[in-house]
């Protein structure tokens, strides 16, 4: 058998758990005090570092993942096409899919493509 463990004997009088709680006894300023602090800071030229909310964030239509392997040099070529067209990779991919559908005359897939609500302009 292994060695017996030495028991840990803590009495509640020896350990003050309030030091471990992370809470402080400092009082929060009241709304009036906060207003005075902000007024004084503004008068002193302090600029808040808090980011101002710019309205509701937009939901991106690009939520699905799409990945695959390609030949060496294809990715930079694809990105150059996007730069020449002044659009992001996601738009470049959608335009490439549209061009392939139209070139191959796949009218049934063209209908599906348009149903997705893709903006091509």
PDB file of N, CA and C in Angstrom:
ATOM      1  N   UNK A   1       0.833  -1.189   0.000  1.00  0.00           N
ATOM      2  CA  UNK A   1       0.000   0.000   0.000  1.00  0.00           C
ATOM      3  C   UNK A   1       0.874   1.247   0.000  1.00  0.00           C
ATOM      4  N   UNK A   2       0.338   2.329  -0.527  1.00  0.00           N
ATOM      5  CA  UNK A   2       1.074   3.588  -0.585  1.00  0.00           C
ATOM      6  C   UNK A   2       1.071   4.289   0.761  1.00  0.00           C
ATOM      7  N   UNK A   3       1.793   5.361   0.783  1.00  0.00           N
ATOM      8  CA  UNK A   3       1.869   6.159   2.000  1.00  0.00           C
ATOM      9  C   UNK A   3       0.529   6.830   2.281  1.00  0.00           C
ATOM     10  N   UNK A   4       0.220   6.960   3.538  1.00  0.00           N
ATOM     11  CA  UNK A   4      -0.998   7.665   3.924  1.00  0.00           C
ATOM     12  C   UNK A   4      -0.777   9.169   3.720  1.00  0.00           C
ATOM     13  N   UNK A   5      -1.781   9.825   3.226  1.00  0.00           N
ATOM     14  CA  UNK A   5      -1.681  11.267   3.006  1.00  0.00           C
ATOM     15  C   UNK A   5      -1.776  12.019   4.322  1.00  0.00           C
ATOM     16  N   UNK A   6      -1.018  13.075   4.383  1.00  0.00           N
ATOM     17  CA  UNK A   6      -1.082  13.920   5.564  1.00  0.00           C
ATOM     18  C   UNK A   6      -2.332  14.775   5.462  1.00  0.00           C
ATOM     19  N   UNK A   7      -3.180  14.783   6.476  1.00  0.00           N
ATOM     20  CA  UNK A   7      -4.407  15.576   6.394  1.00  0.00           C
ATOM     21  C   UNK A   7      -4.091  17.069   6.461  1.00  0.00           C
ATOM     22  N   UNK A   8      -4.918  17.848   5.786  1.00  0.00           N
ATOM     23  CA  UNK A   8      -4.816  19.302   5.823  1.00  0.00           C
ATOM     24  C   UNK A   8      -5.860  19.780   6.813  1.00  0.00           C
ATOM     25  N   UNK A   9      -5.392  20.408   7.849  1.00  0.00           N
ATOM     26  CA  UNK A   9      -6.312  20.863   8.899  1.00  0.00           C
ATOM     27  C   UNK A   9      -6.389  22.381   8.898  1.00  0.00           C
ATOM     28  N   UNK A  10      -7.445  22.917   8.287  1.00  0.00           N
ATOM     29  CA  UNK A  10      -7.698  24.350   8.325  1.00  0.00           C
ATOM     30  C   UNK A  10      -8.870  24.599   9.246  1.00  0.00           C
ATOM     31  N   UNK A  11      -8.707  25.546  10.090  1.00  0.00           N
ATOM     32  CA  UNK A  11      -9.859  25.952  10.873  1.00  0.00           C
ATOM     33  C   UNK A  11     -10.370  27.251  10.257  1.00  0.00           C
ATOM     34  N   UNK A  12     -11.634  27.520  10.413  1.00  0.00           N
ATOM     35  CA  UNK A  12     -12.220  28.702   9.796  1.00  0.00           C
ATOM     36  C   UNK A  12     -11.632  29.982  10.371  1.00  0.00           C
ATOM     37  N   UNK A  13     -10.993  29.913  11.500  1.00  0.00           N
ATOM     38  CA  UNK A  13     -10.407  31.104  12.116  1.00  0.00           C
ATOM     39  C   UNK A  13      -9.071  31.462  11.468  1.00  0.00           C
ATOM     40  N   UNK A  14      -8.414  30.517  10.844  1.00  0.00           N
ATOM     41  CA  UNK A  14      -7.087  30.747  10.290  1.00  0.00           C
ATOM     42  C   UNK A  14      -7.131  31.348   8.882  1.00  0.00           C
ATOM     43  N   UNK A  15      -8.159  31.058   8.097  1.00  0.00           N
ATOM     44  CA  UNK A  15      -8.221  31.492   6.713  1.00  0.00           C
ATOM     45  C   UNK A  15      -9.348  32.500   6.545  1.00  0.00           C
ATOM     46  N   UNK A  16      -8.991  33.672   5.986  1.00  0.00           N
ATOM     47  CA  UNK A  16      -9.989  34.694   5.693  1.00  0.00           C
ATOM     48  C   UNK A  16     -10.319  34.608   4.203  1.00  0.00           C
ATOM     49  N   UNK A  17     -11.449  34.017   3.866  1.00  0.00           N
ATOM     50  CA  UNK A  17     -11.820  33.793   2.472  1.00  0.00           C
ATOM     51  C   UNK A  17     -12.242  35.073   1.756  1.00  0.00           C
ATOM     52  N   UNK A  18     -12.517  36.123   2.473  1.00  0.00           N
ATOM     53  CA  UNK A  18     -12.921  37.367   1.807  1.00  0.00           C
ATOM     54  C   UNK A  18     -11.781  37.928   0.967  1.00  0.00           C
ATOM     55  N   UNK A  19     -10.526  37.631   1.309  1.00  0.00           N
ATOM     56  CA  UNK A  19      -9.398  38.080   0.507  1.00  0.00           C
ATOM     57  C   UNK A  19      -9.358  37.380  -0.849  1.00  0.00           C
ATOM     58  N   UNK A  20      -9.956  36.222  -0.942  1.00  0.00           N
ATOM     59  CA  UNK A  20      -9.915  35.442  -2.176  1.00  0.00           C
ATOM     60  C   UNK A  20     -11.094  35.703  -3.094  1.00  0.00           C
ATOM     61  N   UNK A  21     -12.098  36.413  -2.647  1.00  0.00           N
ATOM     62  CA  UNK A  21     -13.313  36.591  -3.433  1.00  0.00           C
ATOM     63  C   UNK A  21     -13.141  37.569  -4.583  1.00  0.00           C
ATOM     64  N   UNK A  22     -12.147  38.445  -4.524  1.00  0.00           N
ATOM     65  CA  UNK A  22     -11.938  39.402  -5.590  1.00  0.00           C
ATOM     66  C   UNK A  22     -12.822  40.636  -5.477  1.00  0.00           C
ATOM     67  N   UNK A  23     -13.704  40.643  -4.526  1.00  0.00           N
ATOM     68  CA  UNK A  23     -14.576  41.799  -4.344  1.00  0.00           C
ATOM     69  C   UNK A  23     -13.873  42.815  -3.455  1.00  0.00           C
ATOM     70  N   UNK A  24     -14.092  44.066  -3.761  1.00  0.00           N
ATOM     71  CA  UNK A  24     -13.520  45.125  -2.935  1.00  0.00           C
ATOM     72  C   UNK A  24     -14.645  45.822  -2.197  1.00  0.00           C
ATOM     73  N   UNK A  25     -14.275  46.556  -1.189  1.00  0.00           N
ATOM     74  CA  UNK A  25     -15.275  47.268  -0.404  1.00  0.00           C
ATOM     75  C   UNK A  25     -15.490  48.685  -0.914  1.00  0.00           C
ATOM     76  N   UNK A  26     -14.921  49.008  -2.077  1.00  0.00           N
ATOM     77  CA  UNK A  26     -15.096  50.345  -2.617  1.00  0.00           C
ATOM     78  C   UNK A  26     -16.513  50.498  -3.161  1.00  0.00           C
ATOM     79  N   UNK A  27     -17.071  51.654  -2.909  1.00  0.00           N
ATOM     80  CA  UNK A  27     -18.426  51.928  -3.371  1.00  0.00           C
ATOM     81  C   UNK A  27     -18.380  52.441  -4.805  1.00  0.00           C
ATOM     82  N   UNK A  28     -19.388  52.101  -5.573  1.00  0.00           N
ATOM     83  CA  UNK A  28     -19.504  52.615  -6.932  1.00  0.00           C
ATOM     84  C   UNK A  28     -20.002  54.049  -6.860  1.00  0.00           C
ATOM     85  N   UNK A  29     -19.512  54.881  -7.787  1.00  0.00           N
ATOM     86  CA  UNK A  29     -20.004  56.260  -7.774  1.00  0.00           C
ATOM     87  C   UNK A  29     -21.476  56.305  -8.198  1.00  0.00           C
ATOM     88  N   UNK A  30     -22.196  57.239  -7.650  1.00  0.00           N
ATOM     89  CA  UNK A  30     -23.600  57.404  -8.026  1.00  0.00           C
ATOM     90  C   UNK A  30     -23.665  58.050  -9.401  1.00  0.00           C
ATOM     91  N   UNK A  31     -24.830  58.077  -9.982  1.00  0.00           N
ATOM     92  CA  UNK A  31     -24.977  58.661 -11.314  1.00  0.00           C
ATOM     93  C   UNK A  31     -24.634  60.154 -11.291  1.00  0.00           C
ATOM     94  N   UNK A  32     -24.938  60.833 -10.189  1.00  0.00           N
ATOM     95  CA  UNK A  32     -24.591  62.251 -10.068  1.00  0.00           C
ATOM     96  C   UNK A  32     -23.072  62.422 -10.014  1.00  0.00           C
ATOM     97  N   UNK A  33     -22.405  61.547  -9.264  1.00  0.00           N
ATOM     98  CA  UNK A  33     -20.946  61.612  -9.184  1.00  0.00           C
ATOM     99  C   UNK A  33     -20.320  61.304 -10.545  1.00  0.00           C
ATOM    100  N   UNK A  34     -20.883  60.310 -11.249  1.00  0.00           N
ATOM    101  CA  UNK A  34     -20.386  59.962 -12.586  1.00  0.00           C
ATOM    102  C   UNK A  34     -20.540  61.146 -13.541  1.00  0.00           C
ATOM    103  N   UNK A  35     -21.665  61.831 -13.454  1.00  0.00           N
ATOM    104  CA  UNK A  35     -21.901  62.988 -14.303  1.00  0.00           C
ATOM    105  C   UNK A  35     -20.864  64.070 -14.027  1.00  0.00           C
ATOM    106  N   UNK A  36     -20.584  64.326 -12.750  1.00  0.00           N
ATOM    107  CA  UNK A  36     -19.591  65.336 -12.383  1.00  0.00           C
ATOM    108  C   UNK A  36     -18.192  64.935 -12.860  1.00  0.00           C
ATOM    109  N   UNK A  37     -17.877  63.654 -12.733  1.00  0.00           N
ATOM    110  CA  UNK A  37     -16.565  63.160 -13.181  1.00  0.00           C
ATOM    111  C   UNK A  37     -16.421  63.336 -14.681  1.00  0.00           C
ATOM    112  N   UNK A  38     -17.457  62.980 -15.448  1.00  0.00           N
ATOM    113  CA  UNK A  38     -17.407  63.119 -16.903  1.00  0.00           C
ATOM    114  C   UNK A  38     -17.310  64.584 -17.318  1.00  0.00           C
ATOM    115  N   UNK A  39     -18.030  65.453 -16.605  1.00  0.00           N
ATOM    116  CA  UNK A  39     -17.981  66.879 -16.898  1.00  0.00           C
ATOM    117  C   UNK A  39     -16.575  67.418 -16.651  1.00  0.00           C
ATOM    118  N   UNK A  40     -15.984  67.056 -15.524  1.00  0.00           N
ATOM    119  CA  UNK A  40     -14.629  67.503 -15.198  1.00  0.00           C
ATOM    120  C   UNK A  40     -13.623  66.975 -16.216  1.00  0.00           C
ATOM    121  N   UNK A  41     -13.788  65.724 -16.615  1.00  0.00           N
ATOM    122  CA  UNK A  41     -12.880  65.131 -17.599  1.00  0.00           C
ATOM    123  C   UNK A  41     -12.994  65.837 -18.937  1.00  0.00           C
ATOM    124  N   UNK A  42     -14.209  66.155 -19.344  1.00  0.00           N
ATOM    125  CA  UNK A  42     -14.422  66.853 -20.617  1.00  0.00           C
ATOM    126  C   UNK A  42     -13.795  68.246 -20.571  1.00  0.00           C
ATOM    127  N   UNK A  43     -13.983  68.946 -19.457  1.00  0.00           N
ATOM    128  CA  UNK A  43     -13.406  70.281 -19.309  1.00  0.00           C
ATOM    129  C   UNK A  43     -11.879  70.234 -19.297  1.00  0.00           C
ATOM    130  N   UNK A  44     -11.316  69.121 -18.831  1.00  0.00           N
ATOM    131  CA  UNK A  44      -9.858  68.971 -18.771  1.00  0.00           C
ATOM    132  C   UNK A  44      -9.269  68.505 -20.092  1.00  0.00           C
ATOM    133  N   UNK A  45     -10.137  68.209 -21.060  1.00  0.00           N
ATOM    134  CA  UNK A  45      -9.658  67.789 -22.372  1.00  0.00           C
ATOM    135  C   UNK A  45      -9.460  66.283 -22.499  1.00  0.00           C
ATOM    136  N   UNK A  46      -9.959  65.510 -21.549  1.00  0.00           N
ATOM    137  CA  UNK A  46      -9.832  64.061 -21.621  1.00  0.00           C
ATOM    138  C   UNK A  46     -10.750  63.520 -22.699  1.00  0.00           C
ATOM    139  N   UNK A  47     -10.211  62.646 -23.535  1.00  0.00           N
ATOM    140  CA  UNK A  47     -11.010  62.016 -24.587  1.00  0.00           C
ATOM    141  C   UNK A  47     -11.230  60.563 -24.200  1.00  0.00           C
ATOM    142  N   UNK A  48     -12.469  60.142 -24.163  1.00  0.00           N
ATOM    143  CA  UNK A  48     -12.796  58.778 -23.779  1.00  0.00           C
ATOM    144  C   UNK A  48     -12.247  57.779 -24.784  1.00  0.00           C
ATOM    145  N   UNK A  49     -11.742  56.663 -24.281  1.00  0.00           N
ATOM    146  CA  UNK A  49     -11.227  55.609 -25.156  1.00  0.00           C
ATOM    147  C   UNK A  49     -12.304  54.592 -25.514  1.00  0.00           C
ATOM    148  N   UNK A  50     -13.472  54.745 -24.943  1.00  0.00           N
ATOM    149  CA  UNK A  50     -14.556  53.823 -25.244  1.00  0.00           C
ATOM    150  C   UNK A  50     -14.989  54.008 -26.688  1.00  0.00           C
ATOM    151  N   UNK A  51     -15.232  52.889 -27.360  1.00  0.00           N
ATOM    152  CA  UNK A  51     -15.704  52.960 -28.737  1.00  0.00           C
ATOM    153  C   UNK A  51     -17.169  53.337 -28.743  1.00  0.00           C
ATOM    154  N   UNK A  52     -17.488  54.277 -29.572  1.00  0.00           N
ATOM    155  CA  UNK A  52     -18.883  54.661 -29.704  1.00  0.00           C
ATOM    156  C   UNK A  52     -19.575  53.657 -30.604  1.00  0.00           C
ATOM    157  N   UNK A  53     -20.774  53.285 -30.238  1.00  0.00           N
ATOM    158  CA  UNK A  53     -21.532  52.337 -31.039  1.00  0.00           C
ATOM    159  C   UNK A  53     -22.023  53.039 -32.296  1.00  0.00           C
ATOM    160  N   UNK A  54     -21.773  52.406 -33.409  1.00  0.00           N
ATOM    161  CA  UNK A  54     -22.135  52.993 -34.700  1.00  0.00           C
ATOM    162  C   UNK A  54     -23.423  52.363 -35.226  1.00  0.00           C
ATOM    163  N   UNK A  55     -24.392  52.254 -34.393  1.00  0.00           N
ATOM    164  CA  UNK A  55     -25.644  51.644 -34.818  1.00  0.00           C
ATOM    165  C   UNK A  55     -25.555  50.133 -34.762  1.00  0.00           C
ATOM    166  N   UNK A  56     -26.506  49.510 -35.311  1.00  0.00           N
ATOM    167  CA  UNK A  56     -26.587  48.055 -35.307  1.00  0.00           C
ATOM    168  C   UNK A  56     -25.617  47.468 -36.321  1.00  0.00           C
ATOM    169  N   UNK A  57     -24.821  46.464 -35.917  1.00  0.00           N
ATOM    170  CA  UNK A  57     -23.901  45.878 -36.893  1.00  0.00           C
ATOM    171  C   UNK A  57     -24.668  45.145 -37.996  1.00  0.00           C
ATOM    172  N   UNK A  58     -24.126  45.225 -39.183  1.00  0.00           N
ATOM    173  CA  UNK A  58     -24.786  44.579 -40.320  1.00  0.00           C
ATOM    174  C   UNK A  58     -24.484  43.085 -40.311  1.00  0.00           C
ATOM    175  N   UNK A  59     -25.458  42.328 -40.726  1.00  0.00           N
ATOM    176  CA  UNK A  59     -25.255  40.888 -40.865  1.00  0.00           C
ATOM    177  C   UNK A  59     -24.701  40.616 -42.257  1.00  0.00           C
ATOM    178  N   UNK A  60     -23.606  39.892 -42.308  1.00  0.00           N
ATOM    179  CA  UNK A  60     -22.988  39.574 -43.585  1.00  0.00           C
ATOM    180  C   UNK A  60     -23.728  38.411 -44.237  1.00  0.00           C
ATOM    181  N   UNK A  61     -23.926  38.476 -45.547  1.00  0.00           N
ATOM    182  CA  UNK A  61     -24.539  37.333 -46.230  1.00  0.00           C
ATOM    183  C   UNK A  61     -23.543  36.182 -46.384  1.00  0.00           C
ATOM    184  N   UNK A  62     -22.266  36.440 -46.103  1.00  0.00           N
ATOM    185  CA  UNK A  62     -21.224  35.431 -46.281  1.00  0.00           C
ATOM    186  C   UNK A  62     -21.004  34.677 -44.975  1.00  0.00           C
ATOM    187  N   UNK A  63     -21.847  33.667 -44.739  1.00  0.00           N
ATOM    188  CA  UNK A  63     -21.771  32.915 -43.493  1.00  0.00           C
ATOM    189  C   UNK A  63     -21.333  31.467 -43.695  1.00  0.00           C
ATOM    190  N   UNK A  64     -21.542  30.930 -44.887  1.00  0.00           N
ATOM    191  CA  UNK A  64     -21.182  29.535 -45.142  1.00  0.00           C
ATOM    192  C   UNK A  64     -19.697  29.436 -45.496  1.00  0.00           C
ATOM    193  N   UNK A  65     -19.065  28.366 -45.051  1.00  0.00           N
ATOM    194  CA  UNK A  65     -17.653  28.128 -45.361  1.00  0.00           C
ATOM    195  C   UNK A  65     -17.529  27.448 -46.713  1.00  0.00           C
ATOM    196  N   UNK A  66     -16.501  27.831 -47.459  1.00  0.00           N
ATOM    197  CA  UNK A  66     -16.237  27.218 -48.754  1.00  0.00           C
ATOM    198  C   UNK A  66     -14.729  27.152 -48.900  1.00  0.00           C
ATOM    199  N   UNK A  67     -14.197  25.959 -48.988  1.00  0.00           N
ATOM    200  CA  UNK A  67     -12.749  25.830 -49.102  1.00  0.00           C
ATOM    201  C   UNK A  67     -12.388  24.690 -50.019  1.00  0.00           C
ATOM    202  N   UNK A  68     -11.202  24.742 -50.496  1.00  0.00           N
ATOM    203  CA  UNK A  68     -10.734  23.674 -51.367  1.00  0.00           C
ATOM    204  C   UNK A  68      -9.278  23.878 -51.710  1.00  0.00           C
ATOM    205  N   UNK A  69      -8.703  22.889 -52.328  1.00  0.00           N
ATOM    206  CA  UNK A  69      -7.302  22.962 -52.726  1.00  0.00           C
ATOM    207  C   UNK A  69      -7.215  23.466 -54.158  1.00  0.00           C
ATOM    208  N   UNK A  70      -6.086  24.072 -54.457  1.00  0.00           N
ATOM    209  CA  UNK A  70      -5.870  24.548 -55.815  1.00  0.00           C
ATOM    210  C   UNK A  70      -4.402  24.367 -56.178  1.00  0.00           C
ATOM    211  N   UNK A  71      -4.118  24.537 -57.450  1.00  0.00           N
ATOM    212  CA  UNK A  71      -2.730  24.426 -57.913  1.00  0.00           C
ATOM    213  C   UNK A  71      -1.901  25.588 -57.382  1.00  0.00           C
ATOM    214  N   UNK A  72      -0.598  25.374 -57.311  1.00  0.00           N
ATOM    215  CA  UNK A  72       0.324  26.425 -56.884  1.00  0.00           C
ATOM    216  C   UNK A  72       0.181  27.632 -57.805  1.00  0.00           C
ATOM    217  N   UNK A  73       0.036  28.805 -57.234  1.00  0.00           N
ATOM    218  CA  UNK A  73      -0.091  30.025 -58.010  1.00  0.00           C
ATOM    219  C   UNK A  73      -1.516  30.416 -58.343  1.00  0.00           C
ATOM    220  N   UNK A  74      -2.475  29.521 -58.126  1.00  0.00           N
ATOM    221  CA  UNK A  74      -3.866  29.827 -58.459  1.00  0.00           C
ATOM    222  C   UNK A  74      -4.467  30.847 -57.487  1.00  0.00           C
ATOM    223  N   UNK A  75      -4.127  30.722 -56.216  1.00  0.00           N
ATOM    224  CA  UNK A  75      -4.680  31.645 -55.228  1.00  0.00           C
ATOM    225  C   UNK A  75      -4.241  33.088 -55.503  1.00  0.00           C
ATOM    226  N   UNK A  76      -2.945  33.348 -55.731  1.00  0.00           N
ATOM    227  CA  UNK A  76      -2.565  34.730 -56.054  1.00  0.00           C
ATOM    228  C   UNK A  76      -3.229  35.243 -57.330  1.00  0.00           C
ATOM    229  N   UNK A  77      -3.392  34.361 -58.319  1.00  0.00           N
ATOM    230  CA  UNK A  77      -4.057  34.748 -59.556  1.00  0.00           C
ATOM    231  C   UNK A  77      -5.508  35.143 -59.273  1.00  0.00           C
ATOM    232  N   UNK A  78      -6.187  34.347 -58.467  1.00  0.00           N
ATOM    233  CA  UNK A  78      -7.569  34.624 -58.080  1.00  0.00           C
ATOM    234  C   UNK A  78      -7.662  35.974 -57.372  1.00  0.00           C
ATOM    235  N   UNK A  79      -6.705  36.242 -56.474  1.00  0.00           N
ATOM    236  CA  UNK A  79      -6.711  37.501 -55.742  1.00  0.00           C
ATOM    237  C   UNK A  79      -6.413  38.683 -56.662  1.00  0.00           C
ATOM    238  N   UNK A  80      -5.566  38.487 -57.654  1.00  0.00           N
ATOM    239  CA  UNK A  80      -5.292  39.552 -58.622  1.00  0.00           C
ATOM    240  C   UNK A  80      -6.531  39.877 -59.444  1.00  0.00           C
ATOM    241  N   UNK A  81      -7.298  38.841 -59.777  1.00  0.00           N
ATOM    242  CA  UNK A  81      -8.558  39.066 -60.508  1.00  0.00           C
ATOM    243  C   UNK A  81      -9.475  39.944 -59.663  1.00  0.00           C
ATOM    244  N   UNK A  82      -9.591  39.625 -58.369  1.00  0.00           N
ATOM    245  CA  UNK A  82     -10.426  40.416 -57.463  1.00  0.00           C
ATOM    246  C   UNK A  82      -9.956  41.856 -57.364  1.00  0.00           C
ATOM    247  N   UNK A  83      -8.636  42.047 -57.303  1.00  0.00           N
ATOM    248  CA  UNK A  83      -8.091  43.407 -57.245  1.00  0.00           C
ATOM    249  C   UNK A  83      -8.401  44.170 -58.538  1.00  0.00           C
ATOM    250  N   UNK A  84      -8.283  43.483 -59.689  1.00  0.00           N
ATOM    251  CA  UNK A  84      -8.576  44.126 -60.967  1.00  0.00           C
ATOM    252  C   UNK A  84     -10.054  44.511 -61.069  1.00  0.00           C
ATOM    253  N   UNK A  85     -10.911  43.704 -60.461  1.00  0.00           N
ATOM    254  CA  UNK A  85     -12.343  43.982 -60.469  1.00  0.00           C
ATOM    255  C   UNK A  85     -12.779  44.881 -59.308  1.00  0.00           C
ATOM    256  N   UNK A  86     -11.837  45.196 -58.426  1.00  0.00           N
ATOM    257  CA  UNK A  86     -12.110  46.023 -57.247  1.00  0.00           C
ATOM    258  C   UNK A  86     -13.203  45.406 -56.379  1.00  0.00           C
ATOM    259  N   UNK A  87     -13.041  44.109 -56.078  1.00  0.00           N
ATOM    260  CA  UNK A  87     -14.012  43.453 -55.208  1.00  0.00           C
ATOM    261  C   UNK A  87     -13.306  42.431 -54.308  1.00  0.00           C
ATOM    262  N   UNK A  88     -14.013  42.013 -53.287  1.00  0.00           N
ATOM    263  CA  UNK A  88     -13.480  41.041 -52.338  1.00  0.00           C
ATOM    264  C   UNK A  88     -13.499  39.643 -52.939  1.00  0.00           C
ATOM    265  N   UNK A  89     -12.738  38.730 -52.304  1.00  0.00           N
ATOM    266  CA  UNK A  89     -12.667  37.357 -52.794  1.00  0.00           C
ATOM    267  C   UNK A  89     -14.037  36.694 -52.874  1.00  0.00           C
ATOM    268  N   UNK A  90     -14.904  36.984 -51.900  1.00  0.00           N
ATOM    269  CA  UNK A  90     -16.233  36.359 -51.907  1.00  0.00           C
ATOM    270  C   UNK A  90     -17.031  36.768 -53.144  1.00  0.00           C
ATOM    271  N   UNK A  91     -16.933  38.032 -53.515  1.00  0.00           N
ATOM    272  CA  UNK A  91     -17.649  38.520 -54.698  1.00  0.00           C
ATOM    273  C   UNK A  91     -16.993  37.962 -55.962  1.00  0.00           C
ATOM    274  N   UNK A  92     -15.664  37.899 -55.969  1.00  0.00           N
ATOM    275  CA  UNK A  92     -14.950  37.341 -57.127  1.00  0.00           C
ATOM    276  C   UNK A  92     -15.392  35.900 -57.372  1.00  0.00           C
ATOM    277  N   UNK A  93     -15.521  35.125 -56.310  1.00  0.00           N
ATOM    278  CA  UNK A  93     -15.959  33.734 -56.440  1.00  0.00           C
ATOM    279  C   UNK A  93     -17.371  33.659 -57.016  1.00  0.00           C
ATOM    280  N   UNK A  94     -18.264  34.490 -56.521  1.00  0.00           N
ATOM    281  CA  UNK A  94     -19.636  34.475 -57.025  1.00  0.00           C
ATOM    282  C   UNK A  94     -19.698  34.883 -58.488  1.00  0.00           C
ATOM    283  N   UNK A  95     -18.882  35.870 -58.874  1.00  0.00           N
ATOM    284  CA  UNK A  95     -18.845  36.276 -60.284  1.00  0.00           C
ATOM    285  C   UNK A  95     -18.284  35.160 -61.161  1.00  0.00           C
ATOM    286  N   UNK A  96     -17.296  34.444 -60.650  1.00  0.00           N
ATOM    287  CA  UNK A  96     -16.718  33.332 -61.412  1.00  0.00           C
ATOM    288  C   UNK A  96     -17.739  32.214 -61.601  1.00  0.00           C
ATOM    289  N   UNK A  97     -18.503  31.940 -60.568  1.00  0.00           N
ATOM    290  CA  UNK A  97     -19.544  30.909 -60.671  1.00  0.00           C
ATOM    291  C   UNK A  97     -20.599  31.339 -61.684  1.00  0.00           C
ATOM    292  N   UNK A  98     -21.004  32.603 -61.628  1.00  0.00           N
ATOM    293  CA  UNK A  98     -21.983  33.121 -62.586  1.00  0.00           C
ATOM    294  C   UNK A  98     -21.454  33.012 -64.019  1.00  0.00           C
ATOM    295  N   UNK A  99     -20.198  33.383 -64.226  1.00  0.00           N
ATOM    296  CA  UNK A  99     -19.615  33.326 -65.573  1.00  0.00           C
ATOM    297  C   UNK A  99     -19.582  31.887 -66.089  1.00  0.00           C
ATOM    298  N   UNK A 100     -19.264  30.939 -65.221  1.00  0.00           N
ATOM    299  CA  UNK A 100     -19.226  29.529 -65.619  1.00  0.00           C
ATOM    300  C   UNK A 100     -20.624  29.019 -65.964  1.00  0.00           C
ATOM    301  N   UNK A 101     -21.601  29.378 -65.147  1.00  0.00           N
ATOM    302  CA  UNK A 101     -22.989  28.968 -65.419  1.00  0.00           C
ATOM    303  C   UNK A 101     -23.444  29.502 -66.774  1.00  0.00           C
ATOM    304  N   UNK A 102     -23.160  30.799 -67.024  1.00  0.00           N
ATOM    305  CA  UNK A 102     -23.581  31.415 -68.282  1.00  0.00           C
ATOM    306  C   UNK A 102     -22.821  30.832 -69.472  1.00  0.00           C
ATOM    307  N   UNK A 103     -21.520  30.597 -69.327  1.00  0.00           N
ATOM    308  CA  UNK A 103     -20.710  30.062 -70.421  1.00  0.00           C
ATOM    309  C   UNK A 103     -21.163  28.663 -70.826  1.00  0.00           C
ATOM    310  N   UNK A 104     -21.512  27.860 -69.821  1.00  0.00           N
ATOM    311  CA  UNK A 104     -21.915  26.482 -70.096  1.00  0.00           C
ATOM    312  C   UNK A 104     -23.406  26.361 -70.403  1.00  0.00           C
ATOM    313  N   UNK A 105     -24.148  27.442 -70.333  1.00  0.00           N
ATOM    314  CA  UNK A 105     -25.581  27.417 -70.662  1.00  0.00           C
ATOM    315  C   UNK A 105     -26.402  26.598 -69.685  1.00  0.00           C
ATOM    316  N   UNK A 106     -26.061  26.640 -68.421  1.00  0.00           N
ATOM    317  CA  UNK A 106     -26.775  25.871 -67.400  1.00  0.00           C
ATOM    318  C   UNK A 106     -27.918  26.718 -66.826  1.00  0.00           C
ATOM    319  N   UNK A 107     -28.987  26.813 -67.612  1.00  0.00           N
ATOM    320  CA  UNK A 107     -30.092  27.702 -67.271  1.00  0.00           C
ATOM    321  C   UNK A 107     -30.773  27.326 -65.955  1.00  0.00           C
ATOM    322  N   UNK A 108     -30.875  26.012 -65.662  1.00  0.00           N
ATOM    323  CA  UNK A 108     -31.513  25.599 -64.406  1.00  0.00           C
ATOM    324  C   UNK A 108     -30.685  26.059 -63.199  1.00  0.00           C
ATOM    325  N   UNK A 109     -29.361  26.070 -63.346  1.00  0.00           N
ATOM    326  CA  UNK A 109     -28.507  26.540 -62.257  1.00  0.00           C
ATOM    327  C   UNK A 109     -28.482  28.073 -62.189  1.00  0.00           C
ATOM    328  N   UNK A 110     -28.705  28.717 -63.318  1.00  0.00           N
ATOM    329  CA  UNK A 110     -28.790  30.172 -63.331  1.00  0.00           C
ATOM    330  C   UNK A 110     -30.001  30.630 -62.518  1.00  0.00           C
ATOM    331  N   UNK A 111     -31.086  29.893 -62.621  1.00  0.00           N
ATOM    332  CA  UNK A 111     -32.283  30.210 -61.830  1.00  0.00           C
ATOM    333  C   UNK A 111     -31.972  30.063 -60.342  1.00  0.00           C
ATOM    334  N   UNK A 112     -31.297  28.966 -59.964  1.00  0.00           N
ATOM    335  CA  UNK A 112     -30.918  28.768 -58.552  1.00  0.00           C
ATOM    336  C   UNK A 112     -29.988  29.874 -58.077  1.00  0.00           C
ATOM    337  N   UNK A 113     -29.049  30.260 -58.929  1.00  0.00           N
ATOM    338  CA  UNK A 113     -28.097  31.318 -58.593  1.00  0.00           C
ATOM    339  C   UNK A 113     -28.835  32.613 -58.294  1.00  0.00           C
ATOM    340  N   UNK A 114     -29.788  32.961 -59.149  1.00  0.00           N
ATOM    341  CA  UNK A 114     -30.546  34.198 -58.968  1.00  0.00           C
ATOM    342  C   UNK A 114     -31.453  34.136 -57.745  1.00  0.00           C
ATOM    343  N   UNK A 115     -31.947  32.924 -57.399  1.00  0.00           N
ATOM    344  CA  UNK A 115     -32.785  32.759 -56.224  1.00  0.00           C
ATOM    345  C   UNK A 115     -32.010  33.047 -54.938  1.00  0.00           C
ATOM    346  N   UNK A 116     -30.696  32.892 -54.986  1.00  0.00           N
ATOM    347  CA  UNK A 116     -29.869  33.159 -53.808  1.00  0.00           C
ATOM    348  C   UNK A 116     -29.791  34.653 -53.487  1.00  0.00           C
ATOM    349  N   UNK A 117     -30.222  35.479 -54.430  1.00  0.00           N
ATOM    350  CA  UNK A 117     -30.210  36.917 -54.196  1.00  0.00           C
ATOM    351  C   UNK A 117     -28.825  37.523 -54.286  1.00  0.00           C
ATOM    352  N   UNK A 118     -27.975  36.952 -55.101  1.00  0.00           N
ATOM    353  CA  UNK A 118     -26.619  37.426 -55.243  1.00  0.00           C
ATOM    354  C   UNK A 118     -26.625  38.765 -55.972  1.00  0.00           C
ATOM    355  N   UNK A 119     -25.932  39.731 -55.416  1.00  0.00           N
ATOM    356  CA  UNK A 119     -25.800  41.042 -56.047  1.00  0.00           C
ATOM    357  C   UNK A 119     -24.536  41.023 -56.873  1.00  0.00           C
ATOM    358  N   UNK A 120     -24.648  41.226 -58.185  1.00  0.00           N
ATOM    359  CA  UNK A 120     -23.488  41.109 -59.067  1.00  0.00           C
ATOM    360  C   UNK A 120     -22.976  42.459 -59.532  1.00  0.00           C
ATOM    361  N   UNK A 121     -23.541  43.535 -59.051  1.00  0.00           N
ATOM    362  CA  UNK A 121     -23.090  44.856 -59.520  1.00  0.00           C
ATOM    363  C   UNK A 121     -22.575  45.682 -58.371  1.00  0.00           C
TER     364      UNK A 121
END
